Every structure is written in C-alpha cells, then in structure tokens.
C-alpha cells in the first residue's frame, strides 16, 4: 500500500493521465473537424446572408430616404407653386371685381343720366302741354272777354287764333323784358 500511496502522492490531480489526454485530444480533433467541415460553413453562410440582408436593408432604407426626400422636395415645390397660383388667382379676382364694380358704377351712372334725361324730356313735354293747354284756356277766356268788351262775337276760329297768339306774344315779351 505504500506503493499505492506513494504513486498517488506523485500524481498531480490537475494533470490528467496520458491515455485520457490522447483520447480527449483525438475526440476534440474529430469534433472540431466535424464542426469545421459541416457546421462552420452553414454558420458562415447564415451570417453572410444576415450581413447581406442588413446591408441590403440599409441600402433600401437609404434609397427610400433619398426618394422620400425627393418626393418631399417635389411636394414643397408643388405647394409653393399652388400658393403662388392661389395668390395670382386672388389678385386676378380682385382686379376683376374692381373692374366689374367700375363697370356697374358706370352702367348705374349711365342709367341715372338716362332717367334724368327722360325726366327732363317728360317735364319739358308736360310744360309744353301745360303751356298749350293754358294758351288755349287763356285764349278762350281772352276771346270771351274781348267779345264781351267789344260787343261782337269773335267766333271765327282764324281770327280768334290770331288774336290769342298776338295777346300771348305781347305777354311773353313783357315777361322777358321784366326779367
């Protein structure tokens, strides 16, 4: 037993025996070879695919961002153009409104002048009609009065008209001279 104790004392518990070390090394090489031959290419392939997918996604995102920026610039340009067009239409409508207002004002002025002219013409016609009616009434009264004063009848129409006209002409001359 001494030998066994002595042998146990000389063996280091941290260092495995040589046959186990060799078997472990062979098993490690076999597992490493299997992993390197079968599993490592698949892992590298999956990693490469993920890297390409990520890079492609980044490129797509950059392209989408560039396109979005381009579309945004187009929309801004269209919006600015629409605002400019709206301002132009607003100005045009204002000018048309002003022109229409002036046109309506001129039309109203023209109608007013026509109404005033028609009123003046009507007043002149009424004045002439009243003067004619008055002339006849005054003439009739003057003829009747003259007939009573003279004592003879002035029924002759031509003589009556001449007398009336002469009498009214004298009255008009006196009225104008008094002015």
N, C-alpha and C. Protein backbone atom coordinates (compact mmCIF):
# COMPACT_ATOMS: atom_id res chain seq x y z
N UNK A 1 0.80 -1.14 0.00
CA UNK A 1 0.00 0.00 0.00
C UNK A 1 0.86 1.23 0.00
N UNK A 2 1.88 0.99 0.41
CA UNK A 2 2.84 2.04 0.41
C UNK A 2 3.12 2.54 -0.99
N UNK A 3 3.11 1.65 -1.83
CA UNK A 3 3.40 1.98 -3.20
C UNK A 3 2.26 2.76 -3.84
N UNK A 4 1.16 2.34 -3.47
CA UNK A 4 -0.02 3.00 -4.00
C UNK A 4 -0.11 4.40 -3.44
N UNK A 5 0.21 4.52 -2.20
CA UNK A 5 0.14 5.84 -1.57
C UNK A 5 1.24 6.70 -2.18
N UNK A 6 2.36 6.08 -2.38
CA UNK A 6 3.47 6.81 -2.94
C UNK A 6 3.17 7.22 -4.39
N UNK A 7 2.51 6.32 -5.12
CA UNK A 7 2.16 6.61 -6.51
C UNK A 7 1.08 7.68 -6.54
N UNK A 8 0.16 7.62 -5.62
CA UNK A 8 -0.91 8.60 -5.57
C UNK A 8 -0.35 9.95 -5.19
N UNK A 9 0.70 9.93 -4.37
CA UNK A 9 1.26 11.19 -3.95
C UNK A 9 2.06 11.83 -5.08
N UNK A 10 2.64 11.05 -5.96
CA UNK A 10 3.43 11.61 -7.03
C UNK A 10 2.57 12.10 -8.19
N UNK A 11 1.36 11.58 -8.35
CA UNK A 11 0.46 12.02 -9.41
C UNK A 11 -0.15 13.35 -9.03
N UNK A 12 -0.15 14.23 -10.02
CA UNK A 12 -0.75 15.55 -9.81
C UNK A 12 -2.24 15.43 -10.18
N UNK A 13 -3.14 15.85 -9.31
CA UNK A 13 -4.56 15.69 -9.61
C UNK A 13 -5.03 16.63 -10.73
N UNK A 14 -4.29 17.66 -11.05
CA UNK A 14 -4.71 18.59 -12.10
C UNK A 14 -4.29 18.10 -13.49
N UNK A 15 -3.31 17.27 -13.57
CA UNK A 15 -2.84 16.78 -14.85
C UNK A 15 -3.51 15.43 -15.09
N UNK A 16 -4.26 15.30 -16.20
CA UNK A 16 -4.93 14.03 -16.45
C UNK A 16 -3.90 12.98 -16.93
N UNK A 17 -4.30 11.75 -16.85
CA UNK A 17 -3.39 10.70 -17.32
C UNK A 17 -3.21 10.81 -18.84
N UNK A 18 -2.13 10.36 -19.36
CA UNK A 18 -1.75 10.48 -20.77
C UNK A 18 -2.77 9.79 -21.67
N UNK A 19 -3.21 8.57 -21.36
CA UNK A 19 -4.17 7.95 -22.28
C UNK A 19 -5.46 8.77 -22.37
N UNK A 20 -5.91 9.34 -21.29
CA UNK A 20 -7.13 10.17 -21.33
C UNK A 20 -6.87 11.45 -22.12
N UNK A 21 -5.69 11.96 -21.97
CA UNK A 21 -5.33 13.16 -22.68
C UNK A 21 -5.31 12.88 -24.19
N UNK A 22 -4.80 11.76 -24.60
CA UNK A 22 -4.72 11.40 -26.02
C UNK A 22 -6.14 11.18 -26.56
N UNK A 23 -6.94 10.41 -25.82
CA UNK A 23 -8.32 10.13 -26.27
C UNK A 23 -9.10 11.46 -26.34
N UNK A 24 -8.93 12.32 -25.37
CA UNK A 24 -9.62 13.63 -25.37
C UNK A 24 -9.17 14.48 -26.54
N UNK A 25 -7.85 14.43 -26.84
CA UNK A 25 -7.33 15.20 -27.95
C UNK A 25 -7.88 14.68 -29.28
N UNK A 26 -7.93 13.34 -29.43
CA UNK A 26 -8.48 12.75 -30.66
C UNK A 26 -9.96 13.11 -30.80
N UNK A 27 -10.71 13.00 -29.71
CA UNK A 27 -12.13 13.34 -29.74
C UNK A 27 -12.30 14.83 -30.08
N UNK A 28 -11.47 15.69 -29.54
CA UNK A 28 -11.53 17.12 -29.82
C UNK A 28 -11.29 17.37 -31.30
N UNK A 29 -10.27 16.70 -31.88
CA UNK A 29 -9.94 16.89 -33.29
C UNK A 29 -11.10 16.41 -34.15
N UNK A 30 -11.72 15.28 -33.78
CA UNK A 30 -12.85 14.75 -34.56
C UNK A 30 -14.02 15.73 -34.50
N UNK A 31 -14.36 16.21 -33.30
CA UNK A 31 -15.48 17.16 -33.14
C UNK A 31 -15.15 18.47 -33.85
N UNK A 32 -13.89 18.94 -33.72
CA UNK A 32 -13.51 20.18 -34.37
C UNK A 32 -13.55 20.02 -35.90
N UNK A 33 -13.10 18.91 -36.38
CA UNK A 33 -13.13 18.63 -37.82
C UNK A 33 -14.57 18.58 -38.32
N UNK A 34 -15.42 17.88 -37.56
CA UNK A 34 -16.84 17.81 -37.95
C UNK A 34 -17.46 19.21 -37.98
N UNK A 35 -17.18 20.00 -36.94
CA UNK A 35 -17.71 21.36 -36.88
C UNK A 35 -17.16 22.22 -38.02
N UNK A 36 -15.86 22.09 -38.28
CA UNK A 36 -15.25 22.89 -39.33
C UNK A 36 -15.76 22.47 -40.70
N UNK A 37 -16.04 21.18 -40.90
CA UNK A 37 -16.45 20.66 -42.19
C UNK A 37 -17.94 20.87 -42.46
N UNK A 38 -18.78 20.60 -41.47
CA UNK A 38 -20.22 20.65 -41.69
C UNK A 38 -20.89 21.90 -41.12
N UNK A 39 -20.63 22.20 -39.89
CA UNK A 39 -21.38 23.24 -39.20
C UNK A 39 -20.84 24.64 -39.48
N UNK A 40 -19.56 24.81 -39.56
CA UNK A 40 -18.97 26.12 -39.75
C UNK A 40 -19.36 26.74 -41.10
N UNK A 41 -19.38 26.00 -42.21
CA UNK A 41 -19.83 26.62 -43.46
C UNK A 41 -21.30 27.09 -43.38
N UNK A 42 -22.14 26.27 -42.74
CA UNK A 42 -23.55 26.67 -42.59
C UNK A 42 -23.67 27.93 -41.73
N UNK A 43 -22.89 27.98 -40.67
CA UNK A 43 -22.91 29.17 -39.79
C UNK A 43 -22.41 30.38 -40.56
N UNK A 44 -21.31 30.22 -41.30
CA UNK A 44 -20.77 31.33 -42.10
C UNK A 44 -21.77 31.77 -43.17
N UNK A 45 -22.44 30.77 -43.78
CA UNK A 45 -23.43 31.08 -44.81
C UNK A 45 -24.59 31.90 -44.21
N UNK A 46 -25.10 31.47 -43.06
CA UNK A 46 -26.19 32.19 -42.39
C UNK A 46 -25.73 33.59 -42.00
N UNK A 47 -24.52 33.69 -41.45
CA UNK A 47 -24.00 35.00 -41.06
C UNK A 47 -23.83 35.92 -42.28
N UNK A 48 -23.35 35.35 -43.40
CA UNK A 48 -23.18 36.14 -44.62
C UNK A 48 -24.54 36.61 -45.15
N UNK A 49 -25.53 35.70 -45.10
CA UNK A 49 -26.87 36.08 -45.55
C UNK A 49 -27.44 37.20 -44.68
N UNK A 50 -27.24 37.10 -43.39
CA UNK A 50 -27.73 38.15 -42.47
C UNK A 50 -27.01 39.47 -42.75
N UNK A 51 -25.69 39.38 -42.97
CA UNK A 51 -24.94 40.60 -43.26
C UNK A 51 -25.44 41.22 -44.56
N UNK A 52 -25.64 40.42 -45.60
CA UNK A 52 -26.15 40.93 -46.87
C UNK A 52 -27.57 41.52 -46.71
N UNK A 53 -28.39 40.82 -45.92
CA UNK A 53 -29.75 41.31 -45.70
C UNK A 53 -29.71 42.65 -44.96
N UNK A 54 -28.85 42.75 -43.99
CA UNK A 54 -28.73 44.00 -43.24
C UNK A 54 -28.20 45.11 -44.14
N UNK A 55 -27.15 44.79 -44.93
CA UNK A 55 -26.61 45.80 -45.84
C UNK A 55 -27.65 46.19 -46.90
N UNK A 56 -28.38 45.18 -47.43
CA UNK A 56 -29.44 45.47 -48.40
C UNK A 56 -30.55 46.30 -47.78
N UNK A 57 -30.90 46.00 -46.52
CA UNK A 57 -31.91 46.79 -45.82
C UNK A 57 -31.44 48.21 -45.61
N UNK A 58 -30.17 48.36 -45.29
CA UNK A 58 -29.62 49.72 -45.10
C UNK A 58 -29.64 50.46 -46.43
N UNK A 59 -29.24 49.77 -47.51
CA UNK A 59 -29.26 50.41 -48.83
C UNK A 59 -30.69 50.77 -49.23
N UNK A 60 -31.63 49.84 -48.98
CA UNK A 60 -33.03 50.12 -49.30
C UNK A 60 -33.54 51.29 -48.47
N UNK A 61 -33.15 51.31 -47.20
CA UNK A 61 -33.58 52.42 -46.33
C UNK A 61 -32.99 53.74 -46.83
N UNK A 62 -31.73 53.72 -47.23
CA UNK A 62 -31.11 54.94 -47.76
C UNK A 62 -31.79 55.37 -49.06
N UNK A 63 -32.09 54.37 -49.93
CA UNK A 63 -32.77 54.69 -51.18
C UNK A 63 -34.17 55.24 -50.90
N UNK A 64 -34.86 54.61 -49.95
CA UNK A 64 -36.20 55.09 -49.59
C UNK A 64 -36.12 56.49 -49.00
N UNK A 65 -35.12 56.73 -48.17
CA UNK A 65 -34.95 58.05 -47.57
C UNK A 65 -34.64 59.09 -48.66
N UNK A 66 -33.80 58.73 -49.61
CA UNK A 66 -33.48 59.63 -50.72
C UNK A 66 -34.73 59.91 -51.55
N UNK A 67 -35.48 58.85 -51.83
CA UNK A 67 -36.73 59.01 -52.59
C UNK A 67 -37.73 59.86 -51.81
N UNK A 68 -37.84 59.61 -50.52
CA UNK A 68 -38.76 60.39 -49.69
C UNK A 68 -38.34 61.86 -49.67
N UNK A 69 -37.04 62.10 -49.61
CA UNK A 69 -36.54 63.48 -49.63
C UNK A 69 -36.87 64.13 -50.97
N UNK A 70 -36.71 63.37 -52.06
CA UNK A 70 -37.03 63.88 -53.39
C UNK A 70 -38.52 64.19 -53.50
N UNK A 71 -39.37 63.28 -53.01
CA UNK A 71 -40.82 63.49 -53.05
C UNK A 71 -41.19 64.69 -52.18
N UNK A 72 -40.54 64.81 -51.03
CA UNK A 72 -40.80 65.96 -50.15
C UNK A 72 -40.45 67.27 -50.86
N UNK A 73 -39.32 67.28 -51.55
CA UNK A 73 -38.94 68.49 -52.29
C UNK A 73 -39.95 68.79 -53.40
N UNK A 74 -40.43 67.73 -54.08
CA UNK A 74 -41.45 67.93 -55.13
C UNK A 74 -42.73 68.50 -54.52
N UNK A 75 -43.14 67.94 -53.38
CA UNK A 75 -44.36 68.42 -52.73
C UNK A 75 -44.20 69.87 -52.28
N UNK A 76 -43.01 70.18 -51.76
CA UNK A 76 -42.77 71.57 -51.35
C UNK A 76 -42.83 72.50 -52.56
N UNK A 77 -42.23 72.06 -53.67
CA UNK A 77 -42.27 72.87 -54.89
C UNK A 77 -43.70 73.02 -55.39
N UNK A 78 -44.46 71.92 -55.37
CA UNK A 78 -45.86 71.99 -55.81
C UNK A 78 -46.67 72.88 -54.87
N UNK A 79 -46.41 72.78 -53.59
CA UNK A 79 -47.12 73.62 -52.62
C UNK A 79 -46.79 75.09 -52.84
N UNK A 80 -45.53 75.39 -53.07
CA UNK A 80 -45.14 76.77 -53.35
C UNK A 80 -45.79 77.26 -54.64
N UNK A 81 -45.82 76.39 -55.64
CA UNK A 81 -46.47 76.75 -56.91
C UNK A 81 -47.97 76.96 -56.71
N UNK A 82 -48.59 76.09 -55.92
CA UNK A 82 -50.02 76.23 -55.64
C UNK A 82 -50.31 77.53 -54.88
N UNK A 83 -49.45 77.86 -53.94
CA UNK A 83 -49.62 79.12 -53.21
C UNK A 83 -49.47 80.32 -54.15
N UNK A 84 -48.49 80.22 -55.03
CA UNK A 84 -48.28 81.30 -55.99
C UNK A 84 -49.50 81.42 -56.91
N UNK A 85 -50.00 80.28 -57.37
CA UNK A 85 -51.18 80.27 -58.25
C UNK A 85 -52.40 80.83 -57.51
N UNK A 86 -52.56 80.45 -56.25
CA UNK A 86 -53.68 80.96 -55.45
C UNK A 86 -53.57 82.48 -55.28
N UNK A 87 -52.37 82.96 -55.03
CA UNK A 87 -52.17 84.41 -54.90
C UNK A 87 -52.47 85.12 -56.22
N UNK A 88 -52.05 84.51 -57.32
CA UNK A 88 -52.32 85.09 -58.64
C UNK A 88 -53.82 85.11 -58.91
N UNK A 89 -54.50 83.99 -58.60
CA UNK A 89 -55.96 83.93 -58.81
C UNK A 89 -56.68 84.93 -57.92
N UNK A 90 -56.21 85.06 -56.68
CA UNK A 90 -56.82 86.02 -55.76
C UNK A 90 -56.66 87.44 -56.30
N UNK A 91 -55.45 87.75 -56.80
CA UNK A 91 -55.20 89.09 -57.36
C UNK A 91 -56.05 89.30 -58.61
N UNK A 92 -56.14 88.27 -59.44
CA UNK A 92 -56.94 88.38 -60.65
C UNK A 92 -58.42 88.58 -60.31
N UNK A 93 -58.91 87.84 -59.31
CA UNK A 93 -60.31 88.00 -58.89
C UNK A 93 -60.54 89.40 -58.33
N UNK A 94 -59.57 89.90 -57.59
CA UNK A 94 -59.68 91.26 -57.05
C UNK A 94 -59.74 92.29 -58.18
N UNK A 95 -58.88 92.11 -59.17
CA UNK A 95 -58.89 93.03 -60.32
C UNK A 95 -60.20 92.93 -61.10
N UNK A 96 -60.69 91.69 -61.28
CA UNK A 96 -61.95 91.52 -61.98
C UNK A 96 -63.10 92.13 -61.18
N UNK A 97 -63.06 91.95 -59.87
CA UNK A 97 -64.09 92.55 -59.01
C UNK A 97 -64.07 94.06 -59.11
N UNK A 98 -62.88 94.63 -59.10
CA UNK A 98 -62.76 96.08 -59.21
C UNK A 98 -63.28 96.55 -60.57
N UNK A 99 -62.90 95.82 -61.62
CA UNK A 99 -63.36 96.19 -62.97
C UNK A 99 -64.88 96.06 -63.07
N UNK A 100 -65.42 94.99 -62.48
CA UNK A 100 -66.87 94.78 -62.51
C UNK A 100 -67.58 95.87 -61.72
N UNK A 101 -67.00 96.25 -60.59
CA UNK A 101 -67.59 97.32 -59.79
C UNK A 101 -67.60 98.63 -60.57
N UNK A 102 -66.49 98.92 -61.23
CA UNK A 102 -66.41 100.15 -62.03
C UNK A 102 -67.41 100.09 -63.19
N UNK A 103 -67.51 98.91 -63.81
CA UNK A 103 -68.44 98.75 -64.93
C UNK A 103 -69.88 98.95 -64.44
N UNK A 104 -70.21 98.36 -63.29
CA UNK A 104 -71.56 98.53 -62.75
C UNK A 104 -71.82 99.98 -62.34
N UNK A 105 -70.80 100.62 -61.79
CA UNK A 105 -70.94 102.02 -61.41
C UNK A 105 -71.18 102.88 -62.66
N UNK A 106 -70.43 102.61 -63.74
CA UNK A 106 -70.61 103.35 -64.99
C UNK A 106 -72.00 103.08 -65.57
N UNK A 107 -72.43 101.82 -65.51
CA UNK A 107 -73.77 101.48 -66.01
C UNK A 107 -74.84 102.18 -65.19
N UNK A 108 -74.67 102.22 -63.86
CA UNK A 108 -75.61 102.93 -62.99
C UNK A 108 -75.63 104.43 -63.31
N UNK A 109 -74.46 104.98 -63.54
CA UNK A 109 -74.36 106.41 -63.89
C UNK A 109 -75.07 106.67 -65.22
N UNK A 110 -74.85 105.77 -66.19
CA UNK A 110 -75.49 105.93 -67.50
C UNK A 110 -77.01 105.83 -67.36
N UNK A 111 -77.49 104.86 -66.58
CA UNK A 111 -78.94 104.71 -66.38
C UNK A 111 -79.50 105.94 -65.65
N UNK A 112 -78.75 106.43 -64.67
CA UNK A 112 -79.20 107.63 -63.95
C UNK A 112 -79.35 108.80 -64.90
N UNK A 113 -78.33 108.97 -65.77
CA UNK A 113 -78.38 110.07 -66.73
C UNK A 113 -79.53 109.89 -67.71
N UNK A 114 -79.78 108.62 -68.11
CA UNK A 114 -80.92 108.37 -69.00
C UNK A 114 -82.24 108.71 -68.31
N UNK A 115 -82.34 108.31 -67.03
CA UNK A 115 -83.56 108.61 -66.27
C UNK A 115 -83.73 110.12 -66.11
N UNK A 116 -82.63 110.80 -65.81
CA UNK A 116 -82.69 112.26 -65.65
C UNK A 116 -83.08 112.90 -66.98
N UNK A 117 -82.46 112.42 -68.07
CA UNK A 117 -82.79 112.98 -69.40
C UNK A 117 -84.25 112.70 -69.73
N UNK A 118 -84.70 111.48 -69.44
CA UNK A 118 -86.10 111.15 -69.70
C UNK A 118 -87.01 112.01 -68.84
N UNK A 119 -86.61 112.25 -67.59
CA UNK A 119 -87.38 113.11 -66.69
C UNK A 119 -87.44 114.53 -67.22
N UNK A 120 -86.29 115.04 -67.68
CA UNK A 120 -86.26 116.39 -68.25
C UNK A 120 -87.14 116.47 -69.50
N UNK A 121 -87.06 115.41 -70.32
CA UNK A 121 -87.88 115.40 -71.53
C UNK A 121 -89.36 115.35 -71.16
N UNK A 122 -89.69 114.55 -70.15
CA UNK A 122 -91.08 114.45 -69.72
C UNK A 122 -91.55 115.79 -69.14
N UNK A 123 -90.68 116.40 -68.34
CA UNK A 123 -91.03 117.71 -67.76
C UNK A 123 -91.23 118.74 -68.87
N UNK A 124 -90.33 118.71 -69.87
CA UNK A 124 -90.45 119.65 -70.99
C UNK A 124 -91.73 119.40 -71.77
N UNK A 125 -92.04 118.11 -71.99
CA UNK A 125 -93.29 117.78 -72.70
C UNK A 125 -94.49 118.22 -71.88
N UNK A 126 -94.44 117.95 -70.55
CA UNK A 126 -95.54 118.37 -69.68
C UNK A 126 -95.65 119.90 -69.67
N UNK A 127 -94.52 120.59 -69.66
CA UNK A 127 -94.54 122.05 -69.66
C UNK A 127 -95.16 122.58 -70.96
N UNK A 128 -94.73 121.95 -72.08
CA UNK A 128 -95.29 122.38 -73.36
C UNK A 128 -96.79 122.09 -73.42
N UNK A 129 -97.18 120.91 -72.91
CA UNK A 129 -98.60 120.56 -72.92
C UNK A 129 -99.38 121.52 -72.02
N UNK A 130 -98.79 121.83 -70.85
CA UNK A 130 -99.46 122.76 -69.94
C UNK A 130 -99.52 124.15 -70.57
N UNK A 131 -98.44 124.56 -71.24
CA UNK A 131 -98.43 125.87 -71.88
C UNK A 131 -99.46 125.90 -73.00
N UNK A 132 -99.54 124.81 -73.75
CA UNK A 132 -100.51 124.76 -74.84
C UNK A 132 -101.93 124.79 -74.29
N UNK A 133 -102.15 123.99 -73.24
CA UNK A 133 -103.49 123.97 -72.61
C UNK A 133 -103.81 125.33 -72.02
N UNK A 134 -102.82 125.91 -71.35
CA UNK A 134 -103.01 127.23 -70.76
C UNK A 134 -103.27 128.27 -71.85
N UNK A 135 -102.52 128.15 -72.93
CA UNK A 135 -102.69 129.08 -74.05
C UNK A 135 -104.12 129.00 -74.59
N UNK A 136 -104.61 127.76 -74.70
CA UNK A 136 -105.98 127.60 -75.20
C UNK A 136 -107.00 128.16 -74.21
N UNK A 137 -106.78 127.82 -72.92
CA UNK A 137 -107.72 128.32 -71.90
C UNK A 137 -107.67 129.84 -71.81
N UNK A 138 -106.44 130.40 -71.79
CA UNK A 138 -106.29 131.85 -71.72
C UNK A 138 -106.87 132.47 -72.98
N UNK A 139 -106.61 131.85 -74.11
CA UNK A 139 -107.15 132.36 -75.36
C UNK A 139 -108.66 132.36 -75.37
N UNK A 140 -109.25 131.30 -74.87
CA UNK A 140 -110.71 131.19 -74.83
C UNK A 140 -111.28 132.26 -73.91
N UNK A 141 -110.62 132.38 -72.73
CA UNK A 141 -111.09 133.40 -71.79
C UNK A 141 -110.90 134.81 -72.37
N UNK A 142 -109.74 135.03 -73.02
CA UNK A 142 -109.47 136.35 -73.61
C UNK A 142 -110.46 136.63 -74.72
N UNK A 143 -110.79 135.63 -75.53
CA UNK A 143 -111.73 135.82 -76.63
C UNK A 143 -113.11 136.13 -76.07
N UNK A 144 -113.51 135.38 -75.05
CA UNK A 144 -114.81 135.64 -74.44
C UNK A 144 -114.86 137.04 -73.85
N UNK A 145 -113.80 137.41 -73.14
CA UNK A 145 -113.74 138.74 -72.52
C UNK A 145 -113.72 139.83 -73.58
N UNK A 146 -112.90 139.62 -74.62
CA UNK A 146 -112.82 140.62 -75.69
C UNK A 146 -114.16 140.72 -76.40
N UNK A 147 -114.82 139.59 -76.58
CA UNK A 147 -116.13 139.61 -77.22
C UNK A 147 -117.12 140.38 -76.40
N UNK A 148 -117.06 140.25 -75.10
CA UNK A 148 -117.97 140.98 -74.22
C UNK A 148 -117.64 142.46 -74.22
N UNK A 149 -116.34 142.80 -74.28
CA UNK A 149 -115.93 144.20 -74.28
C UNK A 149 -116.26 144.86 -75.61
N UNK A 150 -116.00 144.23 -76.67
CA UNK A 150 -116.21 144.80 -77.99
C UNK A 150 -117.70 144.76 -78.32
N UNK A 151 -118.33 143.77 -77.85
CA UNK A 151 -119.75 143.65 -78.06
C UNK A 151 -120.05 142.84 -79.30
N UNK A 152 -119.08 142.32 -79.98
CA UNK A 152 -119.37 141.48 -81.11
C UNK A 152 -118.75 140.11 -80.89
N UNK A 153 -119.21 139.18 -81.58
CA UNK A 153 -118.77 137.80 -81.39
C UNK A 153 -117.47 137.57 -82.14
N UNK A 154 -116.55 136.93 -81.47
CA UNK A 154 -115.28 136.58 -82.10
C UNK A 154 -115.25 135.07 -82.33
N UNK A 155 -116.26 134.56 -82.92
CA UNK A 155 -116.39 133.13 -83.10
C UNK A 155 -115.56 132.61 -84.25
N UNK A 156 -115.15 133.45 -85.12
CA UNK A 156 -114.34 132.99 -86.24
C UNK A 156 -113.04 132.42 -85.68
N UNK A 157 -112.78 131.22 -86.02
CA UNK A 157 -111.64 130.49 -85.43
C UNK A 157 -110.31 131.10 -85.87
N UNK A 158 -110.14 131.46 -87.08
CA UNK A 158 -108.89 132.03 -87.57
C UNK A 158 -108.63 133.36 -86.89
N UNK A 159 -109.63 134.18 -86.79
CA UNK A 159 -109.48 135.47 -86.14
C UNK A 159 -109.18 135.26 -84.66
N UNK A 160 -109.85 134.31 -84.09
CA UNK A 160 -109.65 134.01 -82.66
C UNK A 160 -108.21 133.57 -82.42
N UNK A 161 -107.65 132.70 -83.26
CA UNK A 161 -106.27 132.22 -83.11
C UNK A 161 -105.29 133.36 -83.25
N UNK A 162 -105.50 134.25 -84.22
CA UNK A 162 -104.59 135.37 -84.40
C UNK A 162 -104.63 136.29 -83.20
N UNK A 163 -105.77 136.54 -82.68
CA UNK A 163 -105.91 137.42 -81.52
C UNK A 163 -105.23 136.80 -80.31
N UNK A 164 -105.46 135.52 -80.11
CA UNK A 164 -104.85 134.82 -78.96
C UNK A 164 -103.34 134.84 -79.09
N UNK A 165 -102.84 134.52 -80.27
CA UNK A 165 -101.38 134.49 -80.48
C UNK A 165 -100.78 135.87 -80.26
N UNK A 166 -101.41 136.91 -80.75
CA UNK A 166 -100.90 138.26 -80.57
C UNK A 166 -100.91 138.62 -79.10
N UNK A 167 -101.95 138.29 -78.40
CA UNK A 167 -102.08 138.61 -76.98
C UNK A 167 -101.00 137.89 -76.16
N UNK A 168 -100.81 136.59 -76.44
CA UNK A 168 -99.80 135.81 -75.70
C UNK A 168 -98.40 136.26 -76.04
N UNK A 169 -98.13 136.62 -77.26
CA UNK A 169 -96.81 137.13 -77.65
C UNK A 169 -96.50 138.41 -76.90
N UNK A 170 -97.51 139.28 -76.78
CA UNK A 170 -97.31 140.51 -76.02
C UNK A 170 -97.00 140.20 -74.57
N UNK A 171 -97.70 139.20 -74.00
CA UNK A 171 -97.45 138.83 -72.59
C UNK A 171 -96.04 138.25 -72.42
N UNK A 172 -95.61 137.44 -73.35
CA UNK A 172 -94.26 136.84 -73.27
C UNK A 172 -93.19 137.91 -73.37
N UNK A 173 -93.38 138.87 -74.25
CA UNK A 173 -92.40 139.96 -74.41
C UNK A 173 -92.29 140.78 -73.15
N UNK A 174 -93.45 141.05 -72.50
CA UNK A 174 -93.44 141.81 -71.26
C UNK A 174 -92.76 141.01 -70.15
N UNK A 175 -92.99 139.68 -70.14
CA UNK A 175 -92.37 138.83 -69.11
C UNK A 175 -90.86 138.78 -69.29
N UNK A 176 -90.37 138.70 -70.52
CA UNK A 176 -88.94 138.66 -70.79
C UNK A 176 -88.31 140.00 -70.51
N UNK A 177 -89.01 141.07 -70.76
CA UNK A 177 -88.47 142.41 -70.51
C UNK A 177 -88.37 142.65 -69.01
N UNK A 178 -89.27 142.04 -68.25
CA UNK A 178 -89.28 142.22 -66.79
C UNK A 178 -88.12 141.45 -66.16
N UNK A 179 -87.63 140.50 -66.78
CA UNK A 179 -86.55 139.69 -66.23
C UNK A 179 -85.30 140.45 -66.29
